[in-house]
Amino acid sequence: MAAGDDKTSGPSADGLARAAGAAAGRGLPPVHLWNPPYCGEIDIRIARDGTWFHEGTPIGRAGLVKLFSGILKREGDRYFLVTPVEKVGIRVDDAPFVAVDVTAEGTGEAQVLRFVTQVGDEVVAGPDHAIRVERDGADGQPAPYVHVRAGLEALIDRKTFYRLVDLGVPAMHAGKSWFGLWSSGRFFPVIPTSDLT
């Protein structure tokens, strides 16, 4: 928006919240079915730690963050808040969600890992919710993620990742020995076992 433009004519956080609340009903809204016109950018940012900011100020109302997270959509490398009538761009520093806890049931190939995000979503890792690990920056620190829905991922926070490491086991993957995690019958490689020495 150019300097001097009337910001009241553009998308507003209050307007988005009202539209999202009306559309949400029960469960998550069918964002994947909505293709409204692009209405510009809104000054909302999701920080790497999962904190949502509006105009530089943290959004303190957990219910509002939960509401916004339900209308979040990814298209390519961009993120949008979408209602049936408008689509606005927002900034996401890393992943839009943060996995803040994990529980494990069973062992070995029968193990099931259930993650909880900072907004209360629950995700069971498996064929539809993959775990992946990237190497972060020049220091090569692991950056682990779990797929939440429709191309949206959660960064697995450090304490949760350390708990996952305790659950890791060696297994063959793509003809190579890996240290990784089993969940819902699928093995997710974390690091080649040769790199552990």
N, C-alpha and C. Protein backbone atom coordinates (compact mmCIF):
# COMPACT_ATOMS: atom_id res chain seq x y z
N MET A 1 0.85 -1.18 0.00
CA MET A 1 0.00 0.00 0.00
C MET A 1 0.88 1.23 0.00
N ALA A 2 0.63 2.16 -0.88
CA ALA A 2 1.45 3.35 -0.99
C ALA A 2 1.20 4.28 0.18
N ALA A 3 2.20 5.12 0.45
CA ALA A 3 2.06 6.08 1.54
C ALA A 3 0.88 6.99 1.25
N GLY A 4 0.08 7.24 2.27
CA GLY A 4 -1.06 8.12 2.10
C GLY A 4 -2.34 7.37 1.77
N ASP A 5 -2.26 6.10 1.39
CA ASP A 5 -3.47 5.34 1.11
C ASP A 5 -4.30 5.20 2.38
N ASP A 6 -5.58 5.11 2.21
CA ASP A 6 -6.47 4.93 3.34
C ASP A 6 -6.47 3.47 3.77
N LYS A 7 -5.86 3.16 4.90
CA LYS A 7 -5.75 1.77 5.35
C LYS A 7 -7.11 1.18 5.72
N THR A 8 -8.09 2.01 6.01
CA THR A 8 -9.39 1.48 6.40
C THR A 8 -10.09 0.82 5.22
N SER A 9 -9.68 1.11 3.98
CA SER A 9 -10.34 0.52 2.82
C SER A 9 -9.80 -0.87 2.51
N GLY A 10 -8.65 -1.22 3.09
CA GLY A 10 -8.06 -2.53 2.84
C GLY A 10 -8.58 -3.55 3.81
N PRO A 11 -8.05 -4.76 3.73
CA PRO A 11 -8.49 -5.82 4.64
C PRO A 11 -8.12 -5.49 6.08
N SER A 12 -8.99 -5.89 7.00
CA SER A 12 -8.71 -5.64 8.42
C SER A 12 -8.73 -6.95 9.18
N ALA A 13 -7.99 -6.99 10.27
CA ALA A 13 -7.96 -8.19 11.10
C ALA A 13 -9.34 -8.45 11.69
N ASP A 14 -10.06 -7.40 12.10
CA ASP A 14 -11.40 -7.59 12.68
C ASP A 14 -12.35 -8.17 11.65
N GLY A 15 -12.28 -7.65 10.41
CA GLY A 15 -13.15 -8.15 9.35
C GLY A 15 -12.87 -9.61 9.04
N LEU A 16 -11.58 -9.95 9.00
CA LEU A 16 -11.20 -11.35 8.76
C LEU A 16 -11.71 -12.24 9.89
N ALA A 17 -11.57 -11.79 11.12
CA ALA A 17 -12.02 -12.59 12.26
C ALA A 17 -13.51 -12.83 12.20
N ARG A 18 -14.30 -11.79 11.86
CA ARG A 18 -15.76 -11.96 11.77
C ARG A 18 -16.12 -12.96 10.67
N ALA A 19 -15.49 -12.81 9.50
CA ALA A 19 -15.78 -13.72 8.38
C ALA A 19 -15.34 -15.14 8.70
N ALA A 20 -14.19 -15.28 9.33
CA ALA A 20 -13.70 -16.62 9.68
C ALA A 20 -14.61 -17.27 10.70
N GLY A 21 -15.05 -16.50 11.69
CA GLY A 21 -15.94 -17.05 12.71
C GLY A 21 -17.26 -17.50 12.11
N ALA A 22 -17.79 -16.73 11.18
CA ALA A 22 -19.05 -17.10 10.54
C ALA A 22 -18.89 -18.35 9.69
N ALA A 23 -17.72 -18.50 9.05
CA ALA A 23 -17.51 -19.63 8.14
C ALA A 23 -17.06 -20.89 8.85
N ALA A 24 -16.50 -20.74 10.05
CA ALA A 24 -15.89 -21.88 10.71
C ALA A 24 -16.89 -22.95 11.11
N GLY A 25 -17.99 -22.53 11.77
CA GLY A 25 -18.96 -23.52 12.21
C GLY A 25 -18.28 -24.57 13.07
N ARG A 26 -18.42 -25.83 12.67
CA ARG A 26 -17.79 -26.92 13.42
C ARG A 26 -16.56 -27.39 12.67
N GLY A 27 -15.49 -27.59 13.39
CA GLY A 27 -14.26 -28.08 12.76
C GLY A 27 -13.60 -27.00 11.92
N LEU A 28 -12.65 -27.45 11.11
CA LEU A 28 -11.91 -26.52 10.26
C LEU A 28 -12.75 -26.11 9.05
N PRO A 29 -12.69 -24.84 8.67
CA PRO A 29 -13.40 -24.42 7.46
C PRO A 29 -12.80 -25.07 6.22
N PRO A 30 -13.57 -25.23 5.15
CA PRO A 30 -13.07 -25.86 3.93
C PRO A 30 -12.24 -24.89 3.08
N VAL A 31 -11.13 -24.43 3.66
CA VAL A 31 -10.29 -23.41 3.00
C VAL A 31 -9.84 -23.87 1.62
N HIS A 32 -9.59 -25.18 1.46
CA HIS A 32 -9.12 -25.70 0.18
C HIS A 32 -10.14 -25.51 -0.94
N LEU A 33 -11.39 -25.26 -0.59
CA LEU A 33 -12.44 -25.05 -1.60
C LEU A 33 -12.65 -23.57 -1.92
N TRP A 34 -12.04 -22.69 -1.14
CA TRP A 34 -12.27 -21.26 -1.31
C TRP A 34 -11.20 -20.66 -2.21
N ASN A 35 -11.64 -19.93 -3.23
CA ASN A 35 -10.72 -19.21 -4.13
C ASN A 35 -11.21 -17.79 -4.37
N PRO A 36 -11.28 -17.00 -3.31
CA PRO A 36 -11.76 -15.62 -3.45
C PRO A 36 -10.68 -14.74 -4.09
N PRO A 37 -11.04 -13.52 -4.47
CA PRO A 37 -10.04 -12.62 -5.05
C PRO A 37 -9.00 -12.19 -4.01
N TYR A 38 -7.78 -11.98 -4.48
CA TYR A 38 -6.70 -11.47 -3.63
C TYR A 38 -6.98 -10.01 -3.31
N CYS A 39 -6.92 -9.67 -2.02
CA CYS A 39 -7.27 -8.33 -1.57
C CYS A 39 -6.09 -7.54 -1.02
N GLY A 40 -4.87 -8.05 -1.22
CA GLY A 40 -3.69 -7.34 -0.74
C GLY A 40 -3.07 -8.00 0.47
N GLU A 41 -2.16 -7.26 1.10
CA GLU A 41 -1.43 -7.77 2.26
C GLU A 41 -2.03 -7.17 3.54
N ILE A 42 -1.90 -7.93 4.61
CA ILE A 42 -2.29 -7.43 5.93
C ILE A 42 -1.06 -7.60 6.82
N ASP A 43 -0.86 -6.68 7.74
CA ASP A 43 0.33 -6.70 8.58
C ASP A 43 0.17 -7.72 9.71
N ILE A 44 0.18 -8.99 9.31
CA ILE A 44 0.18 -10.10 10.26
C ILE A 44 1.40 -10.95 9.95
N ARG A 45 2.13 -11.30 11.01
CA ARG A 45 3.35 -12.11 10.86
C ARG A 45 3.33 -13.22 11.89
N ILE A 46 3.74 -14.42 11.44
CA ILE A 46 3.91 -15.54 12.37
C ILE A 46 5.41 -15.73 12.56
N ALA A 47 5.87 -15.53 13.78
CA ALA A 47 7.29 -15.67 14.09
C ALA A 47 7.69 -17.14 14.15
N ARG A 48 8.98 -17.40 14.14
CA ARG A 48 9.49 -18.77 14.14
C ARG A 48 9.05 -19.54 15.38
N ASP A 49 8.82 -18.85 16.49
CA ASP A 49 8.39 -19.53 17.71
C ASP A 49 6.88 -19.73 17.78
N GLY A 50 6.16 -19.38 16.69
CA GLY A 50 4.72 -19.58 16.63
C GLY A 50 3.88 -18.41 17.12
N THR A 51 4.52 -17.34 17.57
CA THR A 51 3.78 -16.15 18.01
C THR A 51 3.23 -15.41 16.80
N TRP A 52 1.96 -15.05 16.88
CA TRP A 52 1.31 -14.26 15.82
C TRP A 52 1.38 -12.78 16.22
N PHE A 53 1.76 -11.94 15.26
CA PHE A 53 1.83 -10.49 15.46
C PHE A 53 0.88 -9.78 14.50
N HIS A 54 0.24 -8.73 14.99
CA HIS A 54 -0.56 -7.84 14.13
C HIS A 54 -0.03 -6.43 14.32
N GLU A 55 0.43 -5.86 13.22
CA GLU A 55 1.03 -4.51 13.24
C GLU A 55 2.13 -4.42 14.29
N GLY A 56 2.94 -5.48 14.39
CA GLY A 56 4.10 -5.49 15.28
C GLY A 56 3.82 -5.86 16.73
N THR A 57 2.56 -6.05 17.08
CA THR A 57 2.18 -6.37 18.45
C THR A 57 1.70 -7.81 18.53
N PRO A 58 2.18 -8.59 19.51
CA PRO A 58 1.70 -9.98 19.64
C PRO A 58 0.18 -10.03 19.83
N ILE A 59 -0.46 -10.96 19.16
CA ILE A 59 -1.89 -11.16 19.34
C ILE A 59 -2.05 -12.00 20.61
N GLY A 60 -2.60 -11.38 21.65
CA GLY A 60 -2.68 -12.02 22.95
C GLY A 60 -3.88 -12.93 23.14
N ARG A 61 -4.86 -12.83 22.28
CA ARG A 61 -6.07 -13.64 22.43
C ARG A 61 -5.89 -14.98 21.73
N ALA A 62 -5.77 -16.05 22.52
CA ALA A 62 -5.54 -17.39 21.96
C ALA A 62 -6.67 -17.80 21.02
N GLY A 63 -7.90 -17.41 21.34
CA GLY A 63 -9.04 -17.76 20.49
C GLY A 63 -8.94 -17.13 19.12
N LEU A 64 -8.44 -15.90 19.05
CA LEU A 64 -8.30 -15.22 17.77
C LEU A 64 -7.20 -15.88 16.93
N VAL A 65 -6.09 -16.23 17.57
CA VAL A 65 -5.01 -16.93 16.87
C VAL A 65 -5.52 -18.26 16.33
N LYS A 66 -6.28 -18.99 17.15
CA LYS A 66 -6.85 -20.27 16.73
C LYS A 66 -7.77 -20.07 15.53
N LEU A 67 -8.59 -19.04 15.57
CA LEU A 67 -9.50 -18.73 14.48
C LEU A 67 -8.72 -18.44 13.20
N PHE A 68 -7.71 -17.59 13.29
CA PHE A 68 -6.89 -17.27 12.11
C PHE A 68 -6.16 -18.50 11.59
N SER A 69 -5.66 -19.35 12.50
CA SER A 69 -4.92 -20.52 12.04
C SER A 69 -5.80 -21.47 11.24
N GLY A 70 -7.11 -21.42 11.48
CA GLY A 70 -8.04 -22.27 10.76
C GLY A 70 -8.34 -21.80 9.35
N ILE A 71 -8.01 -20.55 9.04
CA ILE A 71 -8.26 -20.03 7.68
C ILE A 71 -6.95 -19.76 6.94
N LEU A 72 -5.90 -20.39 7.42
CA LEU A 72 -4.57 -20.25 6.82
C LEU A 72 -4.46 -21.15 5.60
N LYS A 73 -3.89 -20.61 4.53
CA LYS A 73 -3.73 -21.37 3.29
C LYS A 73 -2.35 -21.08 2.70
N ARG A 74 -1.75 -22.11 2.15
CA ARG A 74 -0.45 -21.95 1.49
C ARG A 74 -0.62 -22.15 0.00
N GLU A 75 -0.03 -21.25 -0.77
CA GLU A 75 0.01 -21.37 -2.22
C GLU A 75 1.45 -21.13 -2.64
N GLY A 76 2.13 -22.18 -3.08
CA GLY A 76 3.55 -22.06 -3.40
C GLY A 76 4.32 -21.75 -2.13
N ASP A 77 5.10 -20.67 -2.16
CA ASP A 77 5.87 -20.26 -0.98
C ASP A 77 5.19 -19.15 -0.19
N ARG A 78 3.94 -18.83 -0.54
CA ARG A 78 3.25 -17.73 0.12
C ARG A 78 2.14 -18.25 1.01
N TYR A 79 1.82 -17.45 2.03
CA TYR A 79 0.77 -17.79 2.97
C TYR A 79 -0.31 -16.72 2.96
N PHE A 80 -1.56 -17.18 3.11
CA PHE A 80 -2.71 -16.29 3.05
C PHE A 80 -3.70 -16.66 4.13
N LEU A 81 -4.46 -15.66 4.58
CA LEU A 81 -5.67 -15.89 5.35
C LEU A 81 -6.81 -15.78 4.35
N VAL A 82 -7.69 -16.79 4.35
CA VAL A 82 -8.71 -16.88 3.31
C VAL A 82 -10.09 -17.05 3.95
N THR A 83 -11.04 -16.28 3.45
CA THR A 83 -12.45 -16.46 3.79
C THR A 83 -13.18 -16.71 2.46
N PRO A 84 -14.46 -17.00 2.50
CA PRO A 84 -15.16 -17.20 1.23
C PRO A 84 -15.13 -15.98 0.31
N VAL A 85 -14.87 -14.78 0.86
CA VAL A 85 -14.96 -13.57 0.03
C VAL A 85 -13.65 -12.81 -0.14
N GLU A 86 -12.59 -13.15 0.61
CA GLU A 86 -11.33 -12.43 0.44
C GLU A 86 -10.13 -13.29 0.80
N LYS A 87 -9.00 -12.92 0.21
CA LYS A 87 -7.73 -13.59 0.47
C LYS A 87 -6.68 -12.52 0.68
N VAL A 88 -5.98 -12.58 1.83
CA VAL A 88 -4.96 -11.57 2.13
C VAL A 88 -3.65 -12.26 2.47
N GLY A 89 -2.56 -11.68 2.01
CA GLY A 89 -1.24 -12.23 2.28
C GLY A 89 -0.75 -11.87 3.66
N ILE A 90 -0.04 -12.83 4.28
CA ILE A 90 0.61 -12.58 5.56
C ILE A 90 2.06 -13.08 5.46
N ARG A 91 2.88 -12.75 6.46
CA ARG A 91 4.27 -13.21 6.48
C ARG A 91 4.44 -14.33 7.50
N VAL A 92 5.21 -15.33 7.10
CA VAL A 92 5.51 -16.45 8.00
C VAL A 92 7.02 -16.61 8.00
N ASP A 93 7.64 -16.48 9.18
CA ASP A 93 9.10 -16.52 9.26
C ASP A 93 9.68 -17.90 8.94
N ASP A 94 8.99 -18.96 9.34
CA ASP A 94 9.48 -20.32 9.08
C ASP A 94 8.29 -21.19 8.74
N ALA A 95 7.74 -21.89 9.72
CA ALA A 95 6.52 -22.68 9.53
C ALA A 95 5.39 -21.98 10.28
N PRO A 96 4.15 -22.12 9.82
CA PRO A 96 3.06 -21.41 10.50
C PRO A 96 2.67 -22.00 11.85
N PHE A 97 3.05 -23.26 12.09
CA PHE A 97 2.72 -23.90 13.36
C PHE A 97 4.00 -24.33 14.07
N VAL A 98 3.87 -24.58 15.36
CA VAL A 98 4.97 -25.14 16.15
C VAL A 98 4.41 -26.33 16.92
N ALA A 99 5.05 -27.48 16.76
CA ALA A 99 4.68 -28.67 17.54
C ALA A 99 5.32 -28.53 18.91
N VAL A 100 4.48 -28.43 19.93
CA VAL A 100 4.98 -28.14 21.29
C VAL A 100 4.94 -29.35 22.20
N ASP A 101 4.40 -30.47 21.71
CA ASP A 101 4.37 -31.68 22.54
C ASP A 101 4.19 -32.89 21.63
N VAL A 102 4.62 -34.05 22.12
CA VAL A 102 4.43 -35.31 21.41
C VAL A 102 4.19 -36.40 22.43
N THR A 103 3.31 -37.32 22.08
CA THR A 103 3.13 -38.53 22.87
C THR A 103 3.38 -39.72 21.96
N ALA A 104 3.92 -40.78 22.54
CA ALA A 104 4.22 -41.99 21.77
C ALA A 104 3.45 -43.15 22.38
N GLU A 105 2.80 -43.91 21.50
CA GLU A 105 2.12 -45.13 21.92
C GLU A 105 2.74 -46.28 21.13
N GLY A 106 2.96 -47.40 21.80
CA GLY A 106 3.55 -48.55 21.13
C GLY A 106 5.05 -48.40 20.97
N THR A 107 5.65 -49.41 20.33
CA THR A 107 7.09 -49.39 20.10
C THR A 107 7.40 -49.90 18.70
N GLY A 108 8.64 -49.65 18.26
CA GLY A 108 9.10 -50.14 16.97
C GLY A 108 8.19 -49.69 15.83
N GLU A 109 7.95 -50.60 14.87
CA GLU A 109 7.14 -50.25 13.71
C GLU A 109 5.69 -49.97 14.07
N ALA A 110 5.25 -50.44 15.24
CA ALA A 110 3.87 -50.20 15.68
C ALA A 110 3.71 -48.87 16.44
N GLN A 111 4.81 -48.14 16.61
CA GLN A 111 4.75 -46.88 17.34
C GLN A 111 3.89 -45.86 16.61
N VAL A 112 3.17 -45.05 17.38
CA VAL A 112 2.36 -43.96 16.85
C VAL A 112 2.77 -42.69 17.59
N LEU A 113 3.16 -41.67 16.84
CA LEU A 113 3.56 -40.38 17.42
C LEU A 113 2.45 -39.36 17.18
N ARG A 114 1.95 -38.79 18.25
CA ARG A 114 0.87 -37.80 18.16
C ARG A 114 1.41 -36.45 18.63
N PHE A 115 1.37 -35.47 17.74
CA PHE A 115 1.87 -34.13 18.03
C PHE A 115 0.72 -33.18 18.36
N VAL A 116 1.01 -32.18 19.19
CA VAL A 116 0.08 -31.10 19.48
C VAL A 116 0.77 -29.79 19.12
N THR A 117 0.07 -28.92 18.39
CA THR A 117 0.66 -27.64 18.00
C THR A 117 0.31 -26.55 19.01
N GLN A 118 0.91 -25.39 18.82
CA GLN A 118 0.70 -24.26 19.73
C GLN A 118 -0.74 -23.75 19.68
N VAL A 119 -1.51 -24.12 18.65
CA VAL A 119 -2.91 -23.69 18.58
C VAL A 119 -3.86 -24.84 18.90
N GLY A 120 -3.31 -25.98 19.37
CA GLY A 120 -4.15 -27.07 19.82
C GLY A 120 -4.51 -28.11 18.78
N ASP A 121 -3.98 -27.99 17.56
CA ASP A 121 -4.22 -29.03 16.56
C ASP A 121 -3.48 -30.29 16.96
N GLU A 122 -4.08 -31.45 16.71
CA GLU A 122 -3.43 -32.73 16.94
C GLU A 122 -3.15 -33.41 15.62
N VAL A 123 -1.95 -33.94 15.47
CA VAL A 123 -1.51 -34.56 14.23
C VAL A 123 -0.82 -35.88 14.56
N VAL A 124 -1.24 -36.96 13.90
CA VAL A 124 -0.59 -38.25 14.05
C VAL A 124 0.35 -38.44 12.88
N ALA A 125 1.66 -38.53 13.16
CA ALA A 125 2.64 -38.71 12.09
C ALA A 125 2.39 -40.04 11.40
N GLY A 126 2.51 -40.00 10.08
CA GLY A 126 2.28 -41.20 9.28
C GLY A 126 2.32 -40.84 7.81
N PRO A 127 1.74 -41.67 6.95
CA PRO A 127 1.80 -41.42 5.51
C PRO A 127 1.27 -40.05 5.07
N ASP A 128 0.24 -39.54 5.76
CA ASP A 128 -0.33 -38.24 5.39
C ASP A 128 0.26 -37.08 6.19
N HIS A 129 1.07 -37.39 7.18
CA HIS A 129 1.64 -36.35 8.05
C HIS A 129 3.11 -36.70 8.30
N ALA A 130 3.91 -36.42 7.29
CA ALA A 130 5.32 -36.80 7.32
C ALA A 130 6.13 -35.94 8.28
N ILE A 131 7.17 -36.56 8.83
CA ILE A 131 8.19 -35.84 9.60
C ILE A 131 9.39 -35.68 8.68
N ARG A 132 9.94 -34.48 8.63
CA ARG A 132 11.16 -34.27 7.85
C ARG A 132 12.12 -33.42 8.68
N VAL A 133 13.39 -33.56 8.38
CA VAL A 133 14.42 -32.80 9.10
C VAL A 133 15.32 -32.13 8.08
N GLU A 134 15.41 -30.81 8.19
CA GLU A 134 16.33 -30.02 7.37
C GLU A 134 17.53 -29.65 8.23
N ARG A 135 18.61 -29.27 7.58
CA ARG A 135 19.77 -28.76 8.31
C ARG A 135 19.71 -27.24 8.25
N ASP A 136 19.75 -26.61 9.41
CA ASP A 136 19.54 -25.18 9.55
C ASP A 136 20.83 -24.38 9.36
N GLY A 137 20.88 -23.53 8.35
CA GLY A 137 21.96 -22.57 8.19
C GLY A 137 23.36 -23.16 8.17
N ALA A 138 24.33 -22.31 8.45
CA ALA A 138 25.74 -22.69 8.39
C ALA A 138 26.14 -23.63 9.51
N ASP A 139 25.43 -23.58 10.65
CA ASP A 139 25.83 -24.44 11.77
C ASP A 139 25.30 -25.86 11.64
N GLY A 140 24.43 -26.12 10.67
CA GLY A 140 23.96 -27.47 10.42
C GLY A 140 23.05 -28.05 11.47
N GLN A 141 22.47 -27.20 12.32
CA GLN A 141 21.55 -27.69 13.35
C GLN A 141 20.29 -28.26 12.71
N PRO A 142 19.75 -29.33 13.28
CA PRO A 142 18.54 -29.92 12.69
C PRO A 142 17.33 -29.02 12.89
N ALA A 143 16.52 -28.90 11.85
CA ALA A 143 15.25 -28.19 11.92
C ALA A 143 14.17 -29.19 11.53
N PRO A 144 13.50 -29.80 12.52
CA PRO A 144 12.52 -30.84 12.25
C PRO A 144 11.11 -30.27 12.06
N TYR A 145 10.35 -30.88 11.17
CA TYR A 145 8.99 -30.44 10.87
C TYR A 145 8.06 -31.65 10.80
N VAL A 146 6.78 -31.40 11.04
CA VAL A 146 5.75 -32.41 10.79
C VAL A 146 4.65 -31.72 9.98
N HIS A 147 4.15 -32.43 8.96
CA HIS A 147 3.10 -31.89 8.12
C HIS A 147 1.79 -31.88 8.91
N VAL A 148 1.09 -30.75 8.88
CA VAL A 148 -0.17 -30.61 9.61
C VAL A 148 -1.36 -30.81 8.67
N ARG A 149 -1.43 -29.98 7.63
CA ARG A 149 -2.52 -30.12 6.65
C ARG A 149 -2.24 -29.23 5.45
N ALA A 150 -2.64 -29.70 4.28
CA ALA A 150 -2.64 -28.92 3.04
C ALA A 150 -1.37 -28.11 2.83
N GLY A 151 -0.21 -28.74 3.00
CA GLY A 151 1.06 -28.05 2.78
C GLY A 151 1.52 -27.19 3.93
N LEU A 152 0.78 -27.16 5.02
CA LEU A 152 1.16 -26.39 6.21
C LEU A 152 1.90 -27.29 7.18
N GLU A 153 3.05 -26.83 7.65
CA GLU A 153 3.88 -27.63 8.54
C GLU A 153 4.01 -26.99 9.91
N ALA A 154 4.41 -27.82 10.86
CA ALA A 154 4.76 -27.34 12.20
C ALA A 154 6.24 -27.58 12.42
N LEU A 155 6.95 -26.56 12.86
CA LEU A 155 8.32 -26.72 13.33
C LEU A 155 8.24 -27.43 14.67
N ILE A 156 8.98 -28.52 14.83
CA ILE A 156 8.97 -29.25 16.09
C ILE A 156 9.93 -28.54 17.05
N ASP A 157 9.40 -28.06 18.17
CA ASP A 157 10.25 -27.28 19.08
C ASP A 157 11.35 -28.15 19.68
N ARG A 158 12.34 -27.51 20.24
CA ARG A 158 13.56 -28.19 20.68
C ARG A 158 13.30 -29.27 21.73
N LYS A 159 12.51 -28.95 22.76
CA LYS A 159 12.26 -29.93 23.82
C LYS A 159 11.55 -31.16 23.26
N THR A 160 10.63 -30.94 22.33
CA THR A 160 9.89 -32.06 21.72
C THR A 160 10.82 -32.88 20.83
N PHE A 161 11.71 -32.21 20.11
CA PHE A 161 12.64 -32.93 19.25
C PHE A 161 13.60 -33.79 20.09
N TYR A 162 14.04 -33.27 21.23
CA TYR A 162 14.91 -34.07 22.10
C TYR A 162 14.19 -35.32 22.59
N ARG A 163 12.90 -35.20 22.88
CA ARG A 163 12.12 -36.38 23.27
C ARG A 163 12.03 -37.36 22.11
N LEU A 164 11.90 -36.85 20.89
CA LEU A 164 11.84 -37.73 19.72
C LEU A 164 13.16 -38.47 19.52
N VAL A 165 14.26 -37.78 19.75
CA VAL A 165 15.57 -38.42 19.59
C VAL A 165 15.68 -39.63 20.51
N ASP A 166 15.11 -39.53 21.71
CA ASP A 166 15.11 -40.67 22.63
C ASP A 166 14.31 -41.85 22.08
N LEU A 167 13.38 -41.59 21.17
CA LEU A 167 12.54 -42.64 20.59
C LEU A 167 13.10 -43.18 19.28
N GLY A 168 14.17 -42.56 18.79
CA GLY A 168 14.73 -42.94 17.50
C GLY A 168 15.43 -44.28 17.52
N VAL A 169 15.45 -44.91 16.34
CA VAL A 169 16.10 -46.22 16.18
C VAL A 169 16.78 -46.25 14.82
N PRO A 170 17.78 -47.13 14.64
CA PRO A 170 18.36 -47.29 13.31
C PRO A 170 17.48 -48.20 12.45
N ALA A 171 17.42 -47.90 11.16
CA ALA A 171 16.68 -48.72 10.21
C ALA A 171 17.20 -48.42 8.81
N MET A 172 16.95 -49.33 7.89
CA MET A 172 17.33 -49.12 6.50
C MET A 172 16.27 -48.26 5.80
N HIS A 173 16.75 -47.31 5.02
CA HIS A 173 15.86 -46.44 4.26
C HIS A 173 16.54 -46.11 2.94
N ALA A 174 15.89 -46.42 1.83
CA ALA A 174 16.44 -46.15 0.50
C ALA A 174 17.84 -46.75 0.35
N GLY A 175 18.02 -47.96 0.88
CA GLY A 175 19.29 -48.66 0.75
C GLY A 175 20.41 -48.16 1.62
N LYS A 176 20.08 -47.33 2.61
CA LYS A 176 21.10 -46.74 3.48
C LYS A 176 20.64 -46.87 4.93
N SER A 177 21.59 -46.97 5.85
CA SER A 177 21.26 -47.06 7.26
C SER A 177 21.03 -45.65 7.83
N TRP A 178 19.87 -45.47 8.46
CA TRP A 178 19.49 -44.18 9.03
C TRP A 178 19.09 -44.34 10.49
N PHE A 179 19.26 -43.28 11.25
CA PHE A 179 18.66 -43.14 12.57
C PHE A 179 17.38 -42.34 12.34
N GLY A 180 16.25 -42.85 12.82
CA GLY A 180 15.01 -42.13 12.56
C GLY A 180 13.89 -42.58 13.47
N LEU A 181 12.68 -42.30 13.03
CA LEU A 181 11.49 -42.49 13.86
C LEU A 181 10.43 -43.30 13.13
N TRP A 182 9.81 -44.22 13.83
CA TRP A 182 8.65 -44.93 13.30
C TRP A 182 7.38 -44.27 13.81
N SER A 183 6.38 -44.16 12.93
CA SER A 183 5.04 -43.75 13.35
C SER A 183 4.04 -44.24 12.32
N SER A 184 2.99 -44.87 12.79
CA SER A 184 1.90 -45.36 11.93
C SER A 184 2.42 -46.24 10.80
N GLY A 185 3.43 -47.07 11.09
CA GLY A 185 3.96 -48.00 10.10
C GLY A 185 4.91 -47.41 9.10
N ARG A 186 5.29 -46.16 9.27
CA ARG A 186 6.22 -45.52 8.34
C ARG A 186 7.47 -45.08 9.08
N PHE A 187 8.62 -45.24 8.41
CA PHE A 187 9.90 -44.83 8.99
C PHE A 187 10.28 -43.46 8.43
N PHE A 188 10.63 -42.54 9.31
CA PHE A 188 11.04 -41.19 8.92
C PHE A 188 12.52 -41.01 9.24
N PRO A 189 13.38 -40.94 8.23
CA PRO A 189 14.82 -40.80 8.49
C PRO A 189 15.15 -39.42 9.06
N VAL A 190 16.05 -39.40 10.02
CA VAL A 190 16.48 -38.15 10.64
C VAL A 190 17.92 -37.83 10.25
N ILE A 191 18.83 -38.81 10.42
CA ILE A 191 20.24 -38.59 10.11
C ILE A 191 20.86 -39.93 9.73
N PRO A 192 21.75 -39.95 8.72
CA PRO A 192 22.44 -41.21 8.41
C PRO A 192 23.20 -41.69 9.64
N THR A 193 23.16 -43.00 9.88
CA THR A 193 23.86 -43.53 11.05
C THR A 193 25.36 -43.27 10.94
N SER A 194 25.89 -43.17 9.71
CA SER A 194 27.32 -42.90 9.55
C SER A 194 27.70 -41.52 10.09
N ASP A 195 26.74 -40.60 10.18
CA ASP A 195 27.00 -39.26 10.70
C ASP A 195 26.96 -39.20 12.21
N LEU A 196 26.57 -40.30 12.85
CA LEU A 196 26.44 -40.30 14.31
C LEU A 196 27.77 -40.58 15.00
N THR A 197 28.77 -41.06 14.24
CA THR A 197 30.05 -41.40 14.86
C THR A 197 30.97 -40.20 14.92
